[in-house]
Amino acid sequence: MSEPNRKFPTGQPEQGKGSGVRLGYLNSVFLLGRLTADPDLRYNLKGTPICSFRIAVNRRFQDRDSNQWREETYFFTVNTWAQLAQRLGDKLKKGTAVLVQGELRSRSWETTTGEKRSSIEIYGRSVQILERFPISAELEEPEPEISQDEEPDIPKDQLDDIPF
């Protein structure tokens, strides 16, 4: 007795044996960390900006054997391109906290001595700077905040001129 030709949700017939689940492709990472050095902004031969930087990401976990809390640090190279690279090259500094969304990319090359090398890097699609004020402005007085409970000091005679 032959098995009926199953269809996937996409309408594609099943190919090969297995669970009958067709997987798509997903290559996405989110990393939260701090820059280990100032970024490197350079331009390729076509003049496209490329901003490269390394971030340190911590992982805290409890060791099963000793039941002690341990921390490990992982280092990732992030590359951004075009307008994003241009903007980040001007704003990022060593120690800046960032949230990076991107995808993994691998590359390989051969050294001048003939050794084969490879690297897995992050192709940054979105980088959110998590610092409120630039690190270089630590000595400057930050602007005062107005909370929702407080109102700015507006003279009462000018309150009637506000159009809302």
Protein backbone atom coordinates (compact mmCIF):
# COMPACT_ATOMS: atom_id res chain seq x y z
CA MET A 1 0.00 0.00 0.00
CA SER A 2 1.50 3.34 -0.97
CA GLU A 3 1.42 6.40 1.25
CA PRO A 4 -0.50 9.43 -0.07
CA ASN A 5 1.56 12.35 -1.35
CA ARG A 6 1.63 14.72 1.63
CA LYS A 7 1.74 18.44 1.10
CA PHE A 8 3.47 21.01 3.28
CA PRO A 9 1.76 24.21 4.42
CA THR A 10 3.59 25.97 1.58
CA GLY A 11 2.04 23.57 -0.93
CA GLN A 12 5.35 21.86 -1.70
CA PRO A 13 5.33 18.06 -1.85
CA GLU A 14 7.38 16.21 0.73
CA GLN A 15 10.85 15.32 -0.47
CA GLY A 16 12.70 12.48 1.18
CA LYS A 17 11.90 10.77 4.43
CA GLY A 18 11.66 12.26 7.87
CA SER A 19 9.13 13.99 10.04
CA GLY A 20 7.45 15.75 7.14
CA VAL A 21 8.36 19.16 8.53
CA ARG A 22 9.90 21.60 6.12
CA LEU A 23 12.23 24.01 7.83
CA GLY A 24 12.91 27.49 6.64
CA TYR A 25 16.17 29.29 7.12
CA LEU A 26 16.84 31.38 10.17
CA ASN A 27 20.13 33.04 10.96
CA SER A 28 19.55 35.68 13.61
CA VAL A 29 21.41 36.71 16.75
CA PHE A 30 20.86 39.31 19.45
CA LEU A 31 23.84 40.31 21.57
CA LEU A 32 24.02 42.74 24.46
CA GLY A 33 27.52 43.84 25.40
CA ARG A 34 30.13 46.59 25.59
CA LEU A 35 32.72 47.66 23.04
CA THR A 36 36.21 46.45 23.88
CA ALA A 37 37.88 49.23 21.85
CA ASP A 38 37.00 52.20 19.67
CA PRO A 39 35.38 51.14 16.37
CA ASP A 40 37.32 50.93 13.12
CA LEU A 41 35.64 52.91 10.33
CA ARG A 42 37.06 52.24 6.88
CA TYR A 43 35.89 52.32 3.27
CA ASN A 44 35.99 49.58 0.64
CA LEU A 45 37.16 50.18 -2.94
CA LYS A 46 33.67 51.35 -3.98
CA GLY A 47 33.63 53.92 -1.15
CA THR A 48 31.09 52.07 1.04
CA PRO A 49 31.68 52.67 4.77
CA ILE A 50 32.37 49.60 6.92
CA CYS A 51 32.40 49.93 10.70
CA SER A 52 33.94 47.04 12.64
CA PHE A 53 34.03 46.67 16.40
CA ARG A 54 34.36 43.98 19.04
CA ILE A 55 31.96 43.53 21.91
CA ALA A 56 32.30 41.58 25.14
CA VAL A 57 29.24 39.61 26.23
CA ASN A 58 29.05 38.10 29.71
CA ARG A 59 27.38 34.83 30.66
CA ARG A 60 26.63 34.11 34.32
CA PHE A 61 25.82 30.57 35.36
CA GLN A 62 25.91 28.21 38.31
CA ASP A 63 28.55 25.50 38.13
CA ARG A 64 26.94 22.07 38.65
CA ASP A 65 29.94 20.57 40.43
CA SER A 66 30.82 23.33 42.90
CA ASN A 67 27.40 25.01 43.01
CA GLN A 68 29.25 28.34 42.72
CA TRP A 69 28.26 31.15 40.42
CA ARG A 70 30.71 31.66 37.56
CA GLU A 71 31.00 34.20 34.82
CA GLU A 72 32.41 33.79 31.34
CA THR A 73 33.05 36.48 28.78
CA TYR A 74 32.72 35.95 25.05
CA PHE A 75 34.09 38.29 22.40
CA PHE A 76 32.39 38.91 19.06
CA THR A 77 33.40 40.94 16.02
CA VAL A 78 30.55 42.98 14.53
CA ASN A 79 30.63 44.47 11.03
CA THR A 80 28.14 47.06 9.82
CA TRP A 81 27.86 48.63 6.38
CA ALA A 82 26.73 51.78 4.56
CA GLN A 83 24.72 54.43 6.45
CA LEU A 84 24.60 52.44 9.69
CA ALA A 85 28.39 52.10 9.63
CA GLN A 86 28.83 55.82 9.03
CA ARG A 87 26.57 56.78 11.96
CA LEU A 88 28.12 54.26 14.35
CA GLY A 89 31.68 55.24 13.49
CA ASP A 90 30.99 58.72 14.84
CA LYS A 91 29.07 57.70 17.97
CA LEU A 92 30.62 54.53 19.39
CA LYS A 93 33.51 54.56 21.83
CA LYS A 94 35.27 51.95 23.93
CA GLY A 95 32.98 50.84 26.78
CA THR A 96 29.71 51.84 25.08
CA ALA A 97 26.86 49.42 25.79
CA VAL A 98 25.09 48.22 22.64
CA LEU A 99 22.34 45.83 21.59
CA VAL A 100 23.25 44.23 18.27
CA GLN A 101 20.81 42.39 16.03
CA GLY A 102 22.28 40.63 13.05
CA GLU A 103 23.27 37.35 11.51
CA LEU A 104 26.25 35.04 11.67
CA ARG A 105 28.68 35.13 8.77
CA SER A 106 31.77 33.01 8.32
CA ARG A 107 34.79 33.84 6.25
CA SER A 108 38.04 32.07 5.57
CA TRP A 109 41.38 33.14 4.18
CA GLU A 110 44.93 32.00 3.80
CA THR A 111 47.80 33.77 5.55
CA THR A 112 50.99 34.79 3.78
CA THR A 113 52.63 31.70 5.27
CA GLY A 114 49.97 29.44 3.75
CA GLU A 115 47.98 28.75 6.94
CA LYS A 116 44.22 28.48 6.53
CA ARG A 117 42.23 30.66 8.92
CA SER A 118 38.54 31.14 9.47
CA SER A 119 36.35 33.41 11.54
CA ILE A 120 32.69 33.70 12.45
CA GLU A 121 31.51 37.29 12.74
CA ILE A 122 28.26 39.15 13.24
CA TYR A 123 26.82 41.04 10.26
CA GLY A 124 25.10 43.83 12.18
CA ARG A 125 21.74 44.81 10.73
CA SER A 126 20.67 46.95 13.70
CA VAL A 127 22.72 48.44 16.53
CA GLN A 128 21.07 50.23 19.42
CA ILE A 129 23.30 52.39 21.60
CA LEU A 130 22.25 51.91 25.21
CA GLU A 131 24.19 54.79 26.73
CA ARG A 132 22.13 57.76 27.82
CA PHE A 133 24.96 60.25 27.56
CA PRO A 134 28.22 59.97 25.65
CA ILE A 135 31.02 58.50 27.74
CA SER A 136 33.24 61.50 26.97
CA ALA A 137 30.64 63.77 28.60
CA GLU A 138 30.91 62.16 32.05
CA LEU A 139 32.40 65.31 33.48
CA GLU A 140 29.73 67.54 32.00
CA GLU A 141 26.55 68.36 33.85
CA PRO A 142 23.67 66.29 32.38
CA GLU A 143 20.51 68.13 31.35
CA PRO A 144 17.82 68.05 34.05
CA GLU A 145 14.92 65.70 33.45
CA ILE A 146 11.28 66.60 33.77
CA SER A 147 9.26 63.78 35.25
CA GLN A 148 5.61 63.27 34.42
CA ASP A 149 4.63 64.54 37.87
CA GLU A 150 6.45 67.84 37.48
CA GLU A 151 5.49 70.62 35.12
CA PRO A 152 7.90 73.16 33.71
CA ASP A 153 7.79 76.62 35.22
CA ILE A 154 5.50 78.45 32.78
CA PRO A 155 4.07 81.77 33.92
CA LYS A 156 0.31 81.50 34.42
CA ASP A 157 -0.39 84.36 32.00
CA GLN A 158 1.24 82.33 29.18
CA LEU A 159 -0.80 79.19 29.85
CA ASP A 160 -3.75 80.66 27.91
CA ASP A 161 -1.57 81.03 24.80
CA ILE A 162 -0.86 77.29 24.55
CA PRO A 163 -2.97 75.96 21.62
CA PHE A 164 -4.12 72.71 23.31
